[in-house]
C-alpha atoms as a PDB file:
ATOM      1  CA  UNK A   1     -51.236 -49.805 -10.556  1.00  0.00           C
ATOM      2  CA  UNK A   2     -52.687 -47.357  -8.043  1.00  0.00           C
ATOM      3  CA  UNK A   3     -52.704 -49.902  -5.385  1.00  0.00           C
ATOM      4  CA  UNK A   4     -49.123 -51.124  -6.071  1.00  0.00           C
ATOM      5  CA  UNK A   5     -46.595 -49.672  -3.486  1.00  0.00           C
ATOM      6  CA  UNK A   6     -43.432 -51.246  -4.915  1.00  0.00           C
ATOM      7  CA  UNK A   7     -42.246 -47.926  -6.491  1.00  0.00           C
ATOM      8  CA  UNK A   8     -42.562 -45.822  -3.338  1.00  0.00           C
ATOM      9  CA  UNK A   9     -39.366 -44.735  -1.492  1.00  0.00           C
ATOM     10  CA  UNK A  10     -39.002 -46.328   1.821  1.00  0.00           C
ATOM     11  CA  UNK A  11     -37.070 -44.842   4.792  1.00  0.00           C
ATOM     12  CA  UNK A  12     -33.737 -46.373   5.714  1.00  0.00           C
ATOM     13  CA  UNK A  13     -33.767 -48.858   8.479  1.00  0.00           C
ATOM     14  CA  UNK A  14     -31.621 -46.463  10.652  1.00  0.00           C
ATOM     15  CA  UNK A  15     -34.335 -43.780  10.382  1.00  0.00           C
ATOM     16  CA  UNK A  16     -32.366 -41.181   8.308  1.00  0.00           C
ATOM     17  CA  UNK A  17     -33.584 -39.785   5.054  1.00  0.00           C
ATOM     18  CA  UNK A  18     -31.363 -38.953   2.024  1.00  0.00           C
ATOM     19  CA  UNK A  19     -31.783 -35.188   2.708  1.00  0.00           C
ATOM     20  CA  UNK A  20     -30.522 -35.632   6.226  1.00  0.00           C
ATOM     21  CA  UNK A  21     -27.487 -37.497   4.900  1.00  0.00           C
ATOM     22  CA  UNK A  22     -26.660 -34.633   2.542  1.00  0.00           C
ATOM     23  CA  UNK A  23     -26.868 -32.158   5.419  1.00  0.00           C
ATOM     24  CA  UNK A  24     -24.614 -34.258   7.625  1.00  0.00           C
ATOM     25  CA  UNK A  25     -22.075 -34.629   4.833  1.00  0.00           C
ATOM     26  CA  UNK A  26     -22.014 -30.871   4.288  1.00  0.00           C
ATOM     27  CA  UNK A  27     -21.314 -30.233   7.956  1.00  0.00           C
ATOM     28  CA  UNK A  28     -18.538 -32.804   8.025  1.00  0.00           C
ATOM     29  CA  UNK A  29     -16.954 -31.297   4.879  1.00  0.00           C
ATOM     30  CA  UNK A  30     -17.049 -27.835   6.456  1.00  0.00           C
ATOM     31  CA  UNK A  31     -15.317 -29.095   9.589  1.00  0.00           C
ATOM     32  CA  UNK A  32     -12.595 -30.735   7.493  1.00  0.00           C
ATOM     33  CA  UNK A  33     -11.962 -27.495   5.578  1.00  0.00           C
ATOM     34  CA  UNK A  34     -11.760 -25.484   8.796  1.00  0.00           C
ATOM     35  CA  UNK A  35      -9.291 -27.999  10.213  1.00  0.00           C
ATOM     36  CA  UNK A  36      -7.101 -27.703   7.122  1.00  0.00           C
ATOM     37  CA  UNK A  37      -7.056 -23.844   7.402  1.00  0.00           C
ATOM     38  CA  UNK A  38      -5.825 -24.071  10.981  1.00  0.00           C
ATOM     39  CA  UNK A  39      -3.258 -26.800  10.274  1.00  0.00           C
ATOM     40  CA  UNK A  40       0.308 -25.250  10.210  1.00  0.00           C
ATOM     41  CA  UNK A  41       1.894 -25.585   6.800  1.00  0.00           C
ATOM     42  CA  UNK A  42      -1.395 -26.348   5.080  1.00  0.00           C
ATOM     43  CA  UNK A  43      -1.949 -24.512   1.771  1.00  0.00           C
ATOM     44  CA  UNK A  44      -5.331 -23.501   3.169  1.00  0.00           C
ATOM     45  CA  UNK A  45      -3.820 -21.972   6.279  1.00  0.00           C
ATOM     46  CA  UNK A  46      -5.287 -18.469   6.846  1.00  0.00           C
ATOM     47  CA  UNK A  47      -2.725 -15.673   6.476  1.00  0.00           C
ATOM     48  CA  UNK A  48      -4.845 -13.632   8.861  1.00  0.00           C
ATOM     49  CA  UNK A  49      -4.817 -16.260  11.648  1.00  0.00           C
ATOM     50  CA  UNK A  50      -2.495 -15.286  14.449  1.00  0.00           C
ATOM     51  CA  UNK A  51      -0.966 -17.780  16.816  1.00  0.00           C
ATOM     52  CA  UNK A  52      -0.339 -16.970  20.423  1.00  0.00           C
ATOM     53  CA  UNK A  53       3.166 -15.608  20.995  1.00  0.00           C
ATOM     54  CA  UNK A  54       3.781 -14.875  17.288  1.00  0.00           C
ATOM     55  CA  UNK A  55       4.980 -11.415  16.194  1.00  0.00           C
ATOM     56  CA  UNK A  56       2.453  -9.965  13.725  1.00  0.00           C
ATOM     57  CA  UNK A  57       3.578  -9.833  10.131  1.00  0.00           C
ATOM     58  CA  UNK A  58       4.325  -6.152   9.400  1.00  0.00           C
ATOM     59  CA  UNK A  59       5.182  -6.570   5.744  1.00  0.00           C
ATOM     60  CA  UNK A  60       3.140  -4.254   3.555  1.00  0.00           C
ATOM     61  CA  UNK A  61       1.767  -5.251   0.181  1.00  0.00           C
ATOM     62  CA  UNK A  62       4.675  -3.516  -1.471  1.00  0.00           C
ATOM     63  CA  UNK A  63       7.090  -5.805   0.357  1.00  0.00           C
ATOM     64  CA  UNK A  64       8.375  -3.093   2.724  1.00  0.00           C
ATOM     65  CA  UNK A  65       8.306  -3.550   6.460  1.00  0.00           C
ATOM     66  CA  UNK A  66       6.038  -1.139   8.289  1.00  0.00           C
ATOM     67  CA  UNK A  67       7.053  -0.802  11.924  1.00  0.00           C
ATOM     68  CA  UNK A  68       4.618   0.004  14.677  1.00  0.00           C
ATOM     69  CA  UNK A  69       7.407   0.412  17.243  1.00  0.00           C
ATOM     70  CA  UNK A  70       8.046   4.154  17.806  1.00  0.00           C
ATOM     71  CA  UNK A  71      11.508   3.455  19.143  1.00  0.00           C
ATOM     72  CA  UNK A  72      12.526   2.070  15.752  1.00  0.00           C
ATOM     73  CA  UNK A  73      11.577   5.230  13.877  1.00  0.00           C
ATOM     74  CA  UNK A  74      14.532   7.314  12.639  1.00  0.00           C
ATOM     75  CA  UNK A  75      15.398  10.284  14.844  1.00  0.00           C
ATOM     76  CA  UNK A  76      15.321  13.579  12.910  1.00  0.00           C
ATOM     77  CA  UNK A  77      18.702  15.271  12.633  1.00  0.00           C
ATOM     78  CA  UNK A  78      18.952  18.391  14.816  1.00  0.00           C
ATOM     79  CA  UNK A  79      19.332  21.731  13.069  1.00  0.00           C
ATOM     80  CA  UNK A  80      22.976  22.813  12.965  1.00  0.00           C
ATOM     81  CA  UNK A  81      23.921  25.497  15.461  1.00  0.00           C
ATOM     82  CA  UNK A  82      24.708  28.864  13.896  1.00  0.00           C
ATOM     83  CA  UNK A  83      28.373  29.741  13.620  1.00  0.00           C
ATOM     84  CA  UNK A  84      29.554  31.691  16.659  1.00  0.00           C
ATOM     85  CA  UNK A  85      30.330  35.371  16.291  1.00  0.00           C
ATOM     86  CA  UNK A  86      34.022  36.299  16.230  1.00  0.00           C
ATOM     87  CA  UNK A  87      33.610  37.872  19.680  1.00  0.00           C
ATOM     88  CA  UNK A  88      33.764  36.299  23.126  1.00  0.00           C
ATOM     89  CA  UNK A  89      30.804  37.929  24.845  1.00  0.00           C
ATOM     90  CA  UNK A  90      30.631  35.707  27.915  1.00  0.00           C
ATOM     91  CA  UNK A  91      31.728  38.716  29.974  1.00  0.00           C
ATOM     92  CA  UNK A  92      31.078  42.386  29.312  1.00  0.00           C
ATOM     93  CA  UNK A  93      33.924  43.489  31.566  1.00  0.00           C
ATOM     94  CA  UNK A  94      37.080  44.035  29.547  1.00  0.00           C
ATOM     95  CA  UNK A  95      40.499  45.078  30.757  1.00  0.00           C
ATOM     96  CA  UNK A  96      41.254  48.229  28.756  1.00  0.00           C
ATOM     97  CA  UNK A  97      42.596  51.280  30.570  1.00  0.00           C
ATOM     98  CA  UNK A  98      41.498  54.461  28.813  1.00  0.00           C
ATOM     99  CA  UNK A  99      41.960  57.993  30.059  1.00  0.00           C
ATOM    100  CA  UNK A 100      38.369  59.070  29.626  1.00  0.00           C
ATOM    101  CA  UNK A 101      34.947  57.601  28.826  1.00  0.00           C
ATOM    102  CA  UNK A 102      34.256  54.719  26.472  1.00  0.00           C
ATOM    103  CA  UNK A 103      31.469  52.273  25.667  1.00  0.00           C
ATOM    104  CA  UNK A 104      30.977  49.427  23.236  1.00  0.00           C
ATOM    105  CA  UNK A 105      28.220  47.193  21.893  1.00  0.00           C
ATOM    106  CA  UNK A 106      27.847  44.174  19.601  1.00  0.00           C
ATOM    107  CA  UNK A 107      24.660  42.957  17.909  1.00  0.00           C
ATOM    108  CA  UNK A 108      24.069  39.455  16.582  1.00  0.00           C
ATOM    109  CA  UNK A 109      22.023  40.464  13.538  1.00  0.00           C
ATOM    110  CA  UNK A 110      20.588  36.930  13.196  1.00  0.00           C
ATOM    111  CA  UNK A 111      18.761  37.224  16.509  1.00  0.00           C
ATOM    112  CA  UNK A 112      18.880  40.952  17.186  1.00  0.00           C
ATOM    113  CA  UNK A 113      20.540  40.282  20.556  1.00  0.00           C
ATOM    114  CA  UNK A 114      22.709  43.168  21.765  1.00  0.00           C
ATOM    115  CA  UNK A 115      25.587  42.753  24.215  1.00  0.00           C
ATOM    116  CA  UNK A 116      27.780  45.558  25.467  1.00  0.00           C
ATOM    117  CA  UNK A 117      29.344  47.531  28.245  1.00  0.00           C
ATOM    118  CA  UNK A 118      27.220  48.608  31.198  1.00  0.00           C
ATOM    119  CA  UNK A 119      27.109  52.125  29.773  1.00  0.00           C
ATOM    120  CA  UNK A 120      26.203  51.118  26.220  1.00  0.00           C
ATOM    121  CA  UNK A 121      23.051  53.253  26.457  1.00  0.00           C
ATOM    122  CA  UNK A 122      24.977  56.473  27.192  1.00  0.00           C
ATOM    123  CA  UNK A 123      25.379  58.864  24.287  1.00  0.00           C
ATOM    124  CA  UNK A 124      28.207  60.833  22.726  1.00  0.00           C
ATOM    125  CA  UNK A 125      28.429  63.025  19.631  1.00  0.00           C
ATOM    126  CA  UNK A 126      28.843  61.041  16.432  1.00  0.00           C
ATOM    127  CA  UNK A 127      31.101  63.282  14.352  1.00  0.00           C
ATOM    128  CA  UNK A 128      31.523  61.745  10.875  1.00  0.00           C
ATOM    129  CA  UNK A 129      30.028  58.372  11.781  1.00  0.00           C
ATOM    130  CA  UNK A 130      26.576  59.825  11.086  1.00  0.00           C
ATOM    131  CA  UNK A 131      27.499  60.376   7.429  1.00  0.00           C
ATOM    132  CA  UNK A 132      26.636  56.738   6.748  1.00  0.00           C
ATOM    133  CA  UNK A 133      23.017  57.550   7.626  1.00  0.00           C
ATOM    134  CA  UNK A 134      22.893  60.852   5.711  1.00  0.00           C
ATOM    135  CA  UNK A 135      23.987  59.127   2.484  1.00  0.00           C
ATOM    136  CA  UNK A 136      21.596  56.204   3.114  1.00  0.00           C
ATOM    137  CA  UNK A 137      18.686  58.547   3.787  1.00  0.00           C
ATOM    138  CA  UNK A 138      19.324  60.452   0.562  1.00  0.00           C
ATOM    139  CA  UNK A 139      19.553  57.284  -1.565  1.00  0.00           C
ATOM    140  CA  UNK A 140      16.415  55.692  -0.094  1.00  0.00           C
ATOM    141  CA  UNK A 141      14.325  58.841  -0.483  1.00  0.00           C
ATOM    142  CA  UNK A 142      15.498  59.314  -4.071  1.00  0.00           C
ATOM    143  CA  UNK A 143      14.459  55.758  -4.921  1.00  0.00           C
ATOM    144  CA  UNK A 144      11.100  56.168  -3.193  1.00  0.00           C
ATOM    145  CA  UNK A 145      10.522  59.284  -5.309  1.00  0.00           C
ATOM    146  CA  UNK A 146      11.323  57.334  -8.468  1.00  0.00           C
ATOM    147  CA  UNK A 147      14.532  59.283  -9.043  1.00  0.00           C
ATOM    148  CA  UNK A 148      17.955  57.929  -9.930  1.00  0.00           C
ATOM    149  CA  UNK A 149      20.893  59.947  -8.596  1.00  0.00           C
ATOM    150  CA  UNK A 150      23.155  61.268 -11.334  1.00  0.00           C
ATOM    151  CA  UNK A 151      26.875  60.604 -11.546  1.00  0.00           C
ATOM    152  CA  UNK A 152      27.621  63.859  -9.736  1.00  0.00           C
ATOM    153  CA  UNK A 153      25.471  62.921  -6.763  1.00  0.00           C
ATOM    154  CA  UNK A 154      26.910  59.429  -6.579  1.00  0.00           C
ATOM    155  CA  UNK A 155      30.425  60.854  -6.748  1.00  0.00           C
ATOM    156  CA  UNK A 156      29.570  63.154  -3.832  1.00  0.00           C
ATOM    157  CA  UNK A 157      28.209  60.197  -1.880  1.00  0.00           C
ATOM    158  CA  UNK A 158      31.371  58.197  -2.574  1.00  0.00           C
ATOM    159  CA  UNK A 159      33.613  60.998  -1.309  1.00  0.00           C
ATOM    160  CA  UNK A 160      31.463  61.423   1.807  1.00  0.00           C
ATOM    161  CA  UNK A 161      31.755  57.731   2.683  1.00  0.00           C
ATOM    162  CA  UNK A 162      35.293  56.915   1.559  1.00  0.00           C
ATOM    163  CA  UNK A 163      37.014  60.208   2.395  1.00  0.00           C
ATOM    164  CA  UNK A 164      34.584  61.787   4.886  1.00  0.00           C
ATOM    165  CA  UNK A 165      34.214  65.004   2.882  1.00  0.00           C
ATOM    166  CA  UNK A 166      32.620  67.604   5.187  1.00  0.00           C
ATOM    167  CA  UNK A 167      31.531  70.198   2.605  1.00  0.00           C
ATOM    168  CA  UNK A 168      29.636  67.636   0.535  1.00  0.00           C
ATOM    169  CA  UNK A 169      28.123  66.212   3.732  1.00  0.00           C
ATOM    170  CA  UNK A 170      26.790  69.622   4.736  1.00  0.00           C
ATOM    171  CA  UNK A 171      25.095  70.128   1.356  1.00  0.00           C
ATOM    172  CA  UNK A 172      23.520  66.671   1.399  1.00  0.00           C
ATOM    173  CA  UNK A 173      22.424  67.069   5.022  1.00  0.00           C
ATOM    174  CA  UNK A 174      20.519  70.203   4.069  1.00  0.00           C
ATOM    175  CA  UNK A 175      18.968  68.435   1.094  1.00  0.00           C
ATOM    176  CA  UNK A 176      17.556  65.615   3.262  1.00  0.00           C
ATOM    177  CA  UNK A 177      16.047  68.029   5.785  1.00  0.00           C
ATOM    178  CA  UNK A 178      18.765  68.343   8.408  1.00  0.00           C
ATOM    179  CA  UNK A 179      17.266  67.462  11.841  1.00  0.00           C
ATOM    180  CA  UNK A 180      14.281  65.805  10.131  1.00  0.00           C
ATOM    181  CA  UNK A 181      16.691  63.248   8.678  1.00  0.00           C
ATOM    182  CA  UNK A 182      18.041  62.350  12.134  1.00  0.00           C
ATOM    183  CA  UNK A 183      14.486  61.953  13.418  1.00  0.00           C
ATOM    184  CA  UNK A 184      13.835  59.514  10.569  1.00  0.00           C
ATOM    185  CA  UNK A 185      16.943  57.571  11.560  1.00  0.00           C
ATOM    186  CA  UNK A 186      15.766  57.227  15.149  1.00  0.00           C
ATOM    187  CA  UNK A 187      12.342  56.038  13.983  1.00  0.00           C
ATOM    188  CA  UNK A 188      13.347  53.770  11.083  1.00  0.00           C
ATOM    189  CA  UNK A 189      16.257  52.153  12.906  1.00  0.00           C
ATOM    190  CA  UNK A 190      14.220  51.785  16.137  1.00  0.00           C
ATOM    191  CA  UNK A 191      16.720  53.580  18.348  1.00  0.00           C
ATOM    192  CA  UNK A 192      16.087  54.069  22.050  1.00  0.00           C
ATOM    193  CA  UNK A 193      18.883  56.319  23.319  1.00  0.00           C
ATOM    194  CA  UNK A 194      19.809  58.811  20.608  1.00  0.00           C
ATOM    195  CA  UNK A 195      18.651  62.364  20.000  1.00  0.00           C
ATOM    196  CA  UNK A 196      18.796  65.207  17.490  1.00  0.00           C
ATOM    197  CA  UNK A 197      21.265  68.056  17.947  1.00  0.00           C
ATOM    198  CA  UNK A 198      18.707  70.537  16.582  1.00  0.00           C
ATOM    199  CA  UNK A 199      20.550  73.489  14.997  1.00  0.00           C
ATOM    200  CA  UNK A 200      24.039  72.338  16.016  1.00  0.00           C
ATOM    201  CA  UNK A 201      24.528  70.267  12.876  1.00  0.00           C
ATOM    202  CA  UNK A 202      25.029  66.627  11.911  1.00  0.00           C
ATOM    203  CA  UNK A 203      28.309  66.280  13.815  1.00  0.00           C
ATOM    204  CA  UNK A 204      26.551  66.917  17.139  1.00  0.00           C
ATOM    205  CA  UNK A 205      23.992  64.123  16.730  1.00  0.00           C
ATOM    206  CA  UNK A 206      23.888  62.123  19.971  1.00  0.00           C
ATOM    207  CA  UNK A 207      24.259  58.365  19.532  1.00  0.00           C
ATOM    208  CA  UNK A 208      24.893  55.551  21.996  1.00  0.00           C
ATOM    209  CA  UNK A 209      27.062  52.479  21.367  1.00  0.00           C
ATOM    210  CA  UNK A 210      23.870  50.384  21.495  1.00  0.00           C
ATOM    211  CA  UNK A 211      22.140  52.547  18.898  1.00  0.00           C
ATOM    212  CA  UNK A 212      25.308  52.485  16.793  1.00  0.00           C
ATOM    213  CA  UNK A 213      24.861  48.730  16.361  1.00  0.00           C
ATOM    214  CA  UNK A 214      21.217  49.372  15.447  1.00  0.00           C
ATOM    215  CA  UNK A 215      22.330  51.826  12.777  1.00  0.00           C
ATOM    216  CA  UNK A 216      24.654  49.151  11.431  1.00  0.00           C
ATOM    217  CA  UNK A 217      21.830  46.619  11.297  1.00  0.00           C
ATOM    218  CA  UNK A 218      19.548  49.206   9.683  1.00  0.00           C
ATOM    219  CA  UNK A 219      22.101  49.714   6.912  1.00  0.00           C
ATOM    220  CA  UNK A 220      22.791  45.990   6.492  1.00  0.00           C
ATOM    221  CA  UNK A 221      19.152  44.867   6.258  1.00  0.00           C
ATOM    222  CA  UNK A 222      18.166  47.568   3.748  1.00  0.00           C
ATOM    223  CA  UNK A 223      15.931  49.798   5.849  1.00  0.00           C
ATOM    224  CA  UNK A 224      18.374  52.722   5.704  1.00  0.00           C
ATOM    225  CA  UNK A 225      19.259  52.938   2.003  1.00  0.00           C
ATOM    226  CA  UNK A 226      16.421  50.828   0.599  1.00  0.00           C
ATOM    227  CA  UNK A 227      16.686  47.680  -1.539  1.00  0.00           C
ATOM    228  CA  UNK A 228      18.040  49.519  -4.586  1.00  0.00           C
ATOM    229  CA  UNK A 229      21.088  51.079  -2.912  1.00  0.00           C
ATOM    230  CA  UNK A 230      22.010  48.923   0.111  1.00  0.00           C
ATOM    231  CA  UNK A 231      24.651  46.833  -1.668  1.00  0.00           C
ATOM    232  CA  UNK A 232      26.148  49.973  -3.207  1.00  0.00           C
ATOM    233  CA  UNK A 233      26.429  51.677   0.171  1.00  0.00           C
ATOM    234  CA  UNK A 234      27.962  48.632   1.872  1.00  0.00           C
ATOM    235  CA  UNK A 235      30.526  48.380  -0.922  1.00  0.00           C
ATOM    236  CA  UNK A 236      31.478  52.032  -0.450  1.00  0.00           C
ATOM    237  CA  UNK A 237      31.794  51.515   3.301  1.00  0.00           C
ATOM    238  CA  UNK A 238      34.195  48.630   2.681  1.00  0.00           C
ATOM    239  CA  UNK A 239      36.307  51.024   0.621  1.00  0.00           C
ATOM    240  CA  UNK A 240      36.837  53.643   3.341  1.00  0.00           C
ATOM    241  CA  UNK A 241      40.410  54.846   2.992  1.00  0.00           C
ATOM    242  CA  UNK A 242      43.028  57.232   4.288  1.00  0.00           C
ATOM    243  CA  UNK A 243      42.672  58.785   7.731  1.00  0.00           C
ATOM    244  CA  UNK A 244      39.193  57.310   8.191  1.00  0.00           C
ATOM    245  CA  UNK A 245      40.369  53.713   7.925  1.00  0.00           C
ATOM    246  CA  UNK A 246      41.000  52.727  11.530  1.00  0.00           C
ATOM    247  CA  UNK A 247      39.377  51.051  14.496  1.00  0.00           C
ATOM    248  CA  UNK A 248      37.279  47.903  14.575  1.00  0.00           C
ATOM    249  CA  UNK A 249      38.268  46.159  11.367  1.00  0.00           C
ATOM    250  CA  UNK A 250      41.977  46.747  12.057  1.00  0.00           C
ATOM    251  CA  UNK A 251      41.678  44.188  14.864  1.00  0.00           C
ATOM    252  CA  UNK A 252      40.892  41.489  12.271  1.00  0.00           C
ATOM    253  CA  UNK A 253      43.197  39.912   9.719  1.00  0.00           C
ATOM    254  CA  UNK A 254      43.665  41.902   6.525  1.00  0.00           C
ATOM    255  CA  UNK A 255      41.646  39.301   4.590  1.00  0.00           C
ATOM    256  CA  UNK A 256      38.657  39.537   6.919  1.00  0.00           C
ATOM    257  CA  UNK A 257      39.020  43.287   7.340  1.00  0.00           C
ATOM    258  CA  UNK A 258      38.332  43.842   3.641  1.00  0.00           C
ATOM    259  CA  UNK A 259      34.890  42.265   4.063  1.00  0.00           C
ATOM    260  CA  UNK A 260      33.884  44.570   6.951  1.00  0.00           C
ATOM    261  CA  UNK A 261      32.011  47.785   6.140  1.00  0.00           C
ATOM    262  CA  UNK A 262      32.902  50.747   8.367  1.00  0.00           C
ATOM    263  CA  UNK A 263      32.264  54.422   9.027  1.00  0.00           C
ATOM    264  CA  UNK A 264      34.230  56.209  11.710  1.00  0.00           C
ATOM    265  CA  UNK A 265      34.066  59.661  13.255  1.00  0.00           C
ATOM    266  CA  UNK A 266      36.634  61.830  14.987  1.00  0.00           C
ATOM    267  CA  UNK A 267      36.513  65.437  16.120  1.00  0.00           C
ATOM    268  CA  UNK A 268      38.090  67.744  18.672  1.00  0.00           C
ATOM    269  CA  UNK A 269      35.523  69.481  20.845  1.00  0.00           C
ATOM    270  CA  UNK A 270      37.182  72.732  21.861  1.00  0.00           C
ATOM    271  CA  UNK A 271      34.232  73.732  24.006  1.00  0.00           C
ATOM    272  CA  UNK A 272      34.476  70.561  26.088  1.00  0.00           C
ATOM    273  CA  UNK A 273      38.272  70.221  25.696  1.00  0.00           C
ATOM    274  CA  UNK A 274      37.691  66.650  24.534  1.00  0.00           C
ATOM    275  CA  UNK A 275      38.255  64.503  21.483  1.00  0.00           C
ATOM    276  CA  UNK A 276      35.374  62.253  20.411  1.00  0.00           C
ATOM    277  CA  UNK A 277      36.232  59.135  18.409  1.00  0.00           C
ATOM    278  CA  UNK A 278      33.548  56.707  17.214  1.00  0.00           C
ATOM    279  CA  UNK A 279      33.644  53.474  15.252  1.00  0.00           C
ATOM    280  CA  UNK A 280      30.873  51.618  13.382  1.00  0.00           C
ATOM    281  CA  UNK A 281      31.466  48.242  11.720  1.00  0.00           C
ATOM    282  CA  UNK A 282      29.201  45.849   9.843  1.00  0.00           C
ATOM    283  CA  UNK A 283      30.437  42.275   9.509  1.00  0.00           C
ATOM    284  CA  UNK A 284      28.838  38.978   8.592  1.00  0.00           C
ATOM    285  CA  UNK A 285      26.015  38.343  11.077  1.00  0.00           C
ATOM    286  CA  UNK A 286      27.126  41.158  13.392  1.00  0.00           C
ATOM    287  CA  UNK A 287      27.459  44.901  13.856  1.00  0.00           C
ATOM    288  CA  UNK A 288      29.597  46.743  16.388  1.00  0.00           C
ATOM    289  CA  UNK A 289      29.922  50.217  17.841  1.00  0.00           C
ATOM    290  CA  UNK A 290      32.708  51.705  19.952  1.00  0.00           C
ATOM    291  CA  UNK A 291      32.620  55.291  21.251  1.00  0.00           C
ATOM    292  CA  UNK A 292      35.277  57.234  23.186  1.00  0.00           C
ATOM    293  CA  UNK A 293      35.704  60.657  24.824  1.00  0.00           C
ATOM    294  CA  UNK A 294      38.996  61.722  26.360  1.00  0.00           C
ATOM    295  CA  UNK A 295      41.168  64.814  27.055  1.00  0.00           C
ATOM    296  CA  UNK A 296      41.949  66.850  23.971  1.00  0.00           C
ATOM    297  CA  UNK A 297      45.705  66.762  24.564  1.00  0.00           C
ATOM    298  CA  UNK A 298      45.746  63.003  23.864  1.00  0.00           C
ATOM    299  CA  UNK A 299      45.317  63.534  20.135  1.00  0.00           C
ATOM    300  CA  UNK A 300      43.319  61.572  17.562  1.00  0.00           C
ATOM    301  CA  UNK A 301      45.529  58.509  17.397  1.00  0.00           C
ATOM    302  CA  UNK A 302      44.878  57.751  21.054  1.00  0.00           C
ATOM    303  CA  UNK A 303      41.194  57.179  20.358  1.00  0.00           C
ATOM    304  CA  UNK A 304      41.796  55.425  17.040  1.00  0.00           C
ATOM    305  CA  UNK A 305      44.194  52.962  18.646  1.00  0.00           C
ATOM    306  CA  UNK A 306      41.900  52.322  21.599  1.00  0.00           C
ATOM    307  CA  UNK A 307      38.896  51.657  19.350  1.00  0.00           C
ATOM    308  CA  UNK A 308      40.948  48.854  17.805  1.00  0.00           C
ATOM    309  CA  UNK A 309      42.176  47.754  21.232  1.00  0.00           C
ATOM    310  CA  UNK A 310      38.643  47.393  22.624  1.00  0.00           C
ATOM    311  CA  UNK A 311      37.733  45.240  19.629  1.00  0.00           C
ATOM    312  CA  UNK A 312      40.871  43.124  19.914  1.00  0.00           C
ATOM    313  CA  UNK A 313      40.135  42.439  23.592  1.00  0.00           C
ATOM    314  CA  UNK A 314      36.712  41.035  22.665  1.00  0.00           C
ATOM    315  CA  UNK A 315      37.825  38.769  19.805  1.00  0.00           C
ATOM    316  CA  UNK A 316      37.806  35.001  20.260  1.00  0.00           C
ATOM    317  CA  UNK A 317      41.220  33.410  20.430  1.00  0.00           C
ATOM    318  CA  UNK A 318      42.080  30.132  18.649  1.00  0.00           C
END
């Protein structure tokens, strides 16, 4: 009946409605859940919650620890130091008494550093030492021109290097342009002290001990003979024989000496009443030059022996 109020909802005696009760219950349930997340050991504990004084968990998802402490990072291994040269170059003053002039120089071909006597920039005539360049210049130019030297030419080159044949050297020197070839050497090998002998021939080329080591490097790194013929030339220089096999590599053991490429020069200068002896050697990671001038009455062996003696004085001792 419209006037009957028995079916109408009446408010609770405490003044709260059912909707308010639902809201209160929801708040209480939320507080309980939050309490359970913060309770240590609870399954609802938040893995992101940090407690004061705790060390943060640094385990990555893959199970590997990821450290944020720089001091715990592995220290990179230092690069190994290069092997020392066989020479003790801590002092450039050596105790060798020679009746005449001499100079020496050593280059570390890994760094290009040159060490030598105080007069390593002074020049002397090369004699047959320069033949190493003349052969290299011929081989490089032939390759650049797209030509392959025939067996006859290679045989000549072998005899020039191994046996220091003068007649074959003169013919080849003319073929490569004579003084023009020496000018190329000075430019290509970046020499600072040496000069051309003009019309006086290859034997009178002026080279310093310092530039001798540069010639050695120029041969070893391929600039002199070019990539096609460098190994061939170095092999021939290791096979120098007879009267030309003396000097620097004789100061080493026979086993090591076989691995060292050389080209020596020796000549008596009647005009100056001197003998000029010169030694070029190319080893592993180094090149060396020794040059001597002394009175002509001393003979060749005096210079040959002293070239070896200078080298021996500079070698490291066990």
